[in-house]
Amino acid sequence: MSLVTVEDISVGYGADTVLAHVSLAIEPGEIVTIVGPNGSGKTTLLRSLIGAVRPSSGRIIRKGGLRIGYVPQKLHIDPTLPITVERFLRLPGGIPRSACSGVLARAGVPGLSRRQMSGLSGGQMQRVLLARALINDPEILLLDEATQGLDQPGSAAFYRQIEEVRRDTGCAVVMISHELHVVMSASDRVICLNGHVCCEGTPDIVSAAPEYRALFGTGTGGALALYRHDHDHNHDHADAGACQHDPGEAHSHPHPTKTEAAE
């Protein structure tokens, strides 16, 4: 049974349509990356999956009792606010003190319990936000450009941690990212979005799709080459998925007139 099924949803803000007739499903244990240009509806789609945005048409079906973890782009902490990592993890809805070290270790930052939140580096902050998202042992983990502001090695390390979390817990992962070269090495499936689903499938299938190349200008090197260099296992592509449009068919992309503030 799918964790989340999206059936032909459309979402608009006022007169502007951001998402049109989007359908997809998230299966247990898979890592799915959503890519697309600014204003393509990525964050709106993620918010719809969470339930923070209601579609104007279509429906979203979630598995009963689905446990969701969410990692935002960033969290601003006032530098004058004295709050430790442990205290942050124990805020309402959090965990007891005895469980803090375990969840921080799972996020790859053991030993940070006593550190001040305002003194964390960007990479440490994102790991702490990941730890918070893992508190309720989620079945699906949603990340909204969680590595924004990190350098390439920091982003790659964060995504490796996500792969370890998936391996150890079996949770599904849905992440939005603009870092195509890193995303390609961390995904089982890529969904290319531009107001609608342009194409989807395994990373190498999407990298070769005309719709994807039209949006990102990816040649024979770039993202695909780095994906192959970084990847350490093979997928069976016999039934791995493909673009929703005939690769030889000309296809136009609607561009929403309203750019999402979060993107």
Protein backbone atom coordinates (compact mmCIF):
# COMPACT_ATOMS: atom_id res chain seq x y z
CA MET A 1 0.00 0.00 0.00
CA SER A 2 1.29 3.46 -0.91
CA LEU A 3 2.06 5.84 1.97
CA VAL A 4 0.63 8.81 0.06
CA THR A 5 -1.34 8.85 -3.20
CA VAL A 6 -1.89 12.13 -5.05
CA GLU A 7 -4.75 11.95 -7.51
CA ASP A 8 -5.02 14.69 -10.14
CA ILE A 9 -4.61 17.63 -7.77
CA SER A 10 -4.55 21.28 -8.78
CA VAL A 11 -3.57 24.11 -6.44
CA GLY A 12 -3.93 27.83 -6.99
CA TYR A 13 -3.37 31.09 -5.14
CA GLY A 14 -6.03 33.54 -6.19
CA ALA A 15 -6.14 33.58 -9.97
CA ASP A 16 -2.73 31.92 -10.31
CA THR A 17 -2.50 28.16 -10.86
CA VAL A 18 0.65 26.74 -9.27
CA LEU A 19 -0.01 23.01 -9.74
CA ALA A 20 -2.21 21.50 -12.45
CA HIS A 21 -3.39 17.88 -12.58
CA VAL A 22 -0.52 16.36 -10.58
CA SER A 23 -0.64 12.65 -9.80
CA LEU A 24 1.98 10.56 -8.00
CA ALA A 25 2.42 7.99 -5.25
CA ILE A 26 5.06 7.57 -2.55
CA GLU A 27 5.91 3.97 -1.71
CA PRO A 28 7.42 2.67 1.55
CA GLY A 29 11.19 2.91 1.79
CA GLU A 30 11.94 4.85 -1.40
CA ILE A 31 13.89 8.10 -1.79
CA VAL A 32 12.06 10.47 -4.13
CA THR A 33 13.50 13.81 -5.21
CA ILE A 34 11.37 16.59 -6.67
CA VAL A 35 13.24 18.99 -8.96
CA GLY A 36 12.09 21.97 -10.95
CA PRO A 37 12.80 25.66 -11.60
CA ASN A 38 11.77 28.44 -9.23
CA GLY A 39 8.00 28.85 -9.13
CA SER A 40 7.38 25.33 -10.41
CA GLY A 41 5.26 24.34 -7.41
CA LYS A 42 7.78 22.19 -5.50
CA THR A 43 7.15 23.67 -2.08
CA THR A 44 3.39 23.83 -2.70
CA LEU A 45 3.41 20.12 -3.53
CA LEU A 46 5.32 19.32 -0.34
CA ARG A 47 2.93 21.40 1.73
CA SER A 48 0.04 19.58 0.11
CA LEU A 49 1.57 16.23 1.07
CA ILE A 50 1.84 17.41 4.68
CA GLY A 51 -1.72 18.74 4.68
CA ALA A 52 -0.82 22.42 5.10
CA VAL A 53 -2.25 23.31 1.67
CA ARG A 54 -5.61 22.09 0.41
CA PRO A 55 -5.92 21.32 -3.31
CA SER A 56 -8.60 23.17 -5.24
CA SER A 57 -9.38 19.90 -7.06
CA GLY A 58 -8.30 16.27 -6.88
CA ARG A 59 -7.49 14.47 -3.66
CA ILE A 60 -4.60 13.23 -1.53
CA ILE A 61 -4.95 9.86 0.19
CA ARG A 62 -2.68 9.15 3.14
CA LYS A 63 -2.21 5.79 4.81
CA GLY A 64 -4.17 5.66 8.05
CA GLY A 65 -2.14 6.90 11.02
CA LEU A 66 0.76 7.93 8.76
CA ARG A 67 3.70 9.32 10.75
CA ILE A 68 5.35 12.26 8.99
CA GLY A 69 8.69 13.94 9.75
CA TYR A 70 9.51 17.33 8.26
CA VAL A 71 12.84 19.15 7.81
CA PRO A 72 12.46 22.82 6.72
CA GLN A 73 14.87 24.87 4.63
CA LYS A 74 16.13 26.67 7.70
CA LEU A 75 15.17 27.70 11.22
CA HIS A 76 16.07 31.15 12.48
CA ILE A 77 17.15 31.18 16.11
CA ASP A 78 17.60 34.55 17.79
CA PRO A 79 21.26 34.62 18.85
CA THR A 80 20.24 36.08 22.22
CA LEU A 81 17.90 33.16 22.97
CA PRO A 82 19.57 30.73 25.39
CA ILE A 83 18.33 27.34 24.27
CA THR A 84 20.40 24.19 24.05
CA VAL A 85 19.99 21.43 21.48
CA GLU A 86 18.61 19.15 24.19
CA ARG A 87 16.04 21.75 25.25
CA PHE A 88 15.03 22.25 21.61
CA LEU A 89 14.46 18.52 21.17
CA ARG A 90 12.39 18.45 24.36
CA LEU A 91 10.04 21.28 23.40
CA PRO A 92 6.33 20.31 23.32
CA GLY A 93 5.89 17.30 21.08
CA GLY A 94 9.53 16.35 21.61
CA ILE A 95 11.24 13.60 23.58
CA PRO A 96 12.49 12.93 27.13
CA ARG A 97 16.08 13.84 28.01
CA SER A 98 17.13 10.18 28.00
CA ALA A 99 16.24 9.83 24.30
CA CYS A 100 18.10 12.93 23.02
CA SER A 101 21.49 11.29 22.56
CA GLY A 102 19.97 8.45 20.54
CA VAL A 103 18.10 10.64 18.07
CA LEU A 104 21.12 12.95 17.64
CA ALA A 105 23.29 9.92 16.88
CA ARG A 106 20.79 8.79 14.25
CA ALA A 107 21.05 12.24 12.65
CA GLY A 108 24.85 11.98 12.63
CA VAL A 109 25.64 14.57 15.34
CA PRO A 110 26.18 12.74 18.64
CA GLY A 111 27.42 14.89 21.51
CA LEU A 112 25.62 18.13 20.60
CA SER A 113 23.05 18.01 23.42
CA ARG A 114 24.68 20.77 25.50
CA ARG A 115 25.49 23.10 22.59
CA GLN A 116 23.58 26.33 22.16
CA MET A 117 21.32 26.31 19.10
CA SER A 118 22.53 29.80 18.14
CA GLY A 119 26.13 28.56 18.05
CA LEU A 120 25.60 25.70 15.58
CA SER A 121 27.06 25.73 12.09
CA GLY A 122 24.68 25.47 9.14
CA GLY A 123 25.38 21.76 8.74
CA GLN A 124 24.94 21.07 12.45
CA MET A 125 21.66 22.99 12.50
CA GLN A 126 20.24 20.90 9.66
CA ARG A 127 21.28 17.69 11.43
CA VAL A 128 19.51 18.87 14.59
CA LEU A 129 16.39 19.66 12.56
CA LEU A 130 16.68 16.17 11.09
CA ALA A 131 16.92 14.74 14.61
CA ARG A 132 13.76 16.60 15.58
CA ALA A 133 11.99 15.22 12.49
CA LEU A 134 12.99 11.69 13.46
CA ILE A 135 11.52 11.89 16.96
CA ASN A 136 8.23 10.19 16.11
CA ASP A 137 9.91 7.44 14.04
CA PRO A 138 8.34 8.70 10.79
CA GLU A 139 7.21 6.44 7.98
CA ILE A 140 7.86 9.28 5.54
CA LEU A 141 10.44 12.05 5.87
CA LEU A 142 9.85 15.30 3.95
CA LEU A 143 12.75 17.69 3.29
CA ASP A 144 12.22 21.13 1.76
CA GLU A 145 15.62 22.10 0.29
CA ALA A 146 17.15 21.11 3.63
CA THR A 147 20.71 21.68 2.39
CA GLN A 148 20.18 25.24 1.14
CA GLY A 149 23.17 27.33 2.19
CA LEU A 150 25.50 24.36 2.69
CA ASP A 151 28.55 23.85 0.50
CA GLN A 152 28.78 20.85 -1.82
CA PRO A 153 30.67 18.56 0.61
CA GLY A 154 28.22 19.49 3.38
CA SER A 155 25.25 18.76 1.14
CA ALA A 156 26.69 15.43 0.04
CA ALA A 157 27.35 14.43 3.66
CA PHE A 158 23.79 15.36 4.64
CA TYR A 159 22.33 13.28 1.83
CA ARG A 160 24.52 10.33 2.81
CA GLN A 161 23.07 10.65 6.31
CA ILE A 162 19.57 10.58 4.83
CA GLU A 163 20.44 7.38 2.98
CA GLU A 164 21.65 5.86 6.26
CA VAL A 165 18.42 6.89 7.99
CA ARG A 166 16.40 5.27 5.23
CA ARG A 167 18.50 2.11 5.44
CA ASP A 168 18.27 1.89 9.24
CA THR A 169 14.60 2.85 9.69
CA GLY A 170 12.98 1.88 6.40
CA CYS A 171 11.23 5.25 6.10
CA ALA A 172 10.42 6.79 2.74
CA VAL A 173 12.09 10.10 1.90
CA VAL A 174 10.68 12.90 -0.25
CA MET A 175 13.03 15.82 -0.79
CA ILE A 176 13.05 19.01 -2.78
CA SER A 177 16.44 20.14 -4.03
CA HIS A 178 18.11 22.44 -6.52
CA GLU A 179 21.44 20.58 -6.27
CA LEU A 180 20.94 18.23 -9.18
CA HIS A 181 24.39 16.64 -9.12
CA VAL A 182 24.00 15.61 -5.47
CA VAL A 183 20.35 14.65 -5.81
CA MET A 184 21.10 12.22 -8.60
CA SER A 185 23.32 10.14 -6.33
CA ALA A 186 20.78 9.96 -3.50
CA SER A 187 17.52 9.15 -5.27
CA ASP A 188 15.63 6.03 -6.27
CA ARG A 189 13.18 8.14 -8.25
CA VAL A 190 13.19 11.71 -9.55
CA ILE A 191 10.07 13.74 -10.33
CA CYS A 192 10.59 16.73 -12.60
CA LEU A 193 7.98 19.39 -11.85
CA ASN A 194 7.06 22.58 -13.68
CA GLY A 195 3.50 23.28 -12.65
CA HIS A 196 2.75 19.70 -13.67
CA VAL A 197 4.75 16.47 -13.72
CA CYS A 198 7.00 16.77 -16.78
CA CYS A 199 8.65 13.38 -16.34
CA GLU A 200 9.63 10.92 -13.65
CA GLY A 201 11.65 7.76 -13.20
CA THR A 202 15.09 6.66 -12.07
CA PRO A 203 17.81 9.36 -12.17
CA ASP A 204 19.40 8.25 -15.43
CA ILE A 205 16.01 7.99 -17.17
CA VAL A 206 15.03 11.50 -16.10
CA SER A 207 18.47 12.93 -16.93
CA ALA A 208 18.04 11.71 -20.50
CA ALA A 209 14.49 13.03 -20.87
CA PRO A 210 13.99 15.97 -23.29
CA GLU A 211 11.64 17.64 -20.79
CA TYR A 212 14.33 17.59 -18.09
CA ARG A 213 17.05 18.86 -20.43
CA ALA A 214 14.80 21.63 -21.68
CA LEU A 215 14.36 22.89 -18.11
CA PHE A 216 17.90 22.46 -16.82
CA GLY A 217 20.07 22.47 -19.93
CA THR A 218 21.87 19.30 -18.82
CA GLY A 219 24.20 17.90 -21.47
CA THR A 220 25.90 14.52 -21.57
CA GLY A 221 28.07 15.50 -18.59
CA GLY A 222 27.00 17.48 -15.56
CA ALA A 223 24.43 15.90 -13.31
CA LEU A 224 24.35 12.52 -15.03
CA ALA A 225 28.13 12.14 -15.01
CA LEU A 226 28.37 13.05 -11.33
CA TYR A 227 25.47 10.76 -10.51
CA ARG A 228 27.26 7.83 -12.10
CA HIS A 229 30.53 8.76 -10.40
CA ASP A 230 28.98 9.01 -6.93
CA HIS A 231 26.57 6.07 -7.11
CA ASP A 232 27.77 2.83 -5.55
CA HIS A 233 25.04 0.42 -6.56
CA ASN A 234 22.91 -0.40 -9.59
CA HIS A 235 19.18 -0.19 -10.18
CA ASP A 236 17.19 -2.67 -12.23
CA HIS A 237 15.75 -0.43 -14.93
CA ALA A 238 13.49 -3.06 -16.49
CA ASP A 239 10.42 -1.57 -14.83
CA ALA A 240 11.95 1.44 -13.08
CA GLY A 241 9.56 4.00 -14.53
CA ALA A 242 9.73 6.44 -17.41
CA CYS A 243 8.68 9.88 -18.52
CA GLN A 244 4.96 10.41 -18.62
CA HIS A 245 5.26 11.81 -22.15
CA ASP A 246 6.66 10.22 -25.26
CA PRO A 247 10.33 11.38 -25.35
CA GLY A 248 9.98 12.06 -29.05
CA GLU A 249 6.87 14.17 -28.63
CA ALA A 250 7.06 17.94 -28.44
CA HIS A 251 5.75 19.11 -25.08
CA SER A 252 5.13 22.54 -23.65
CA HIS A 253 5.39 23.49 -20.00
CA PRO A 254 3.01 25.89 -18.28
CA HIS A 255 4.87 28.47 -16.20
CA PRO A 256 2.93 29.71 -13.15
CA THR A 257 2.72 33.47 -13.04
CA LYS A 258 3.15 33.58 -9.28
CA THR A 259 6.59 32.65 -7.95
CA GLU A 260 6.35 30.93 -4.61
CA ALA A 261 8.04 32.89 -1.85
CA ALA A 262 9.58 29.75 -0.40
CA GLU A 263 11.22 28.83 -3.67
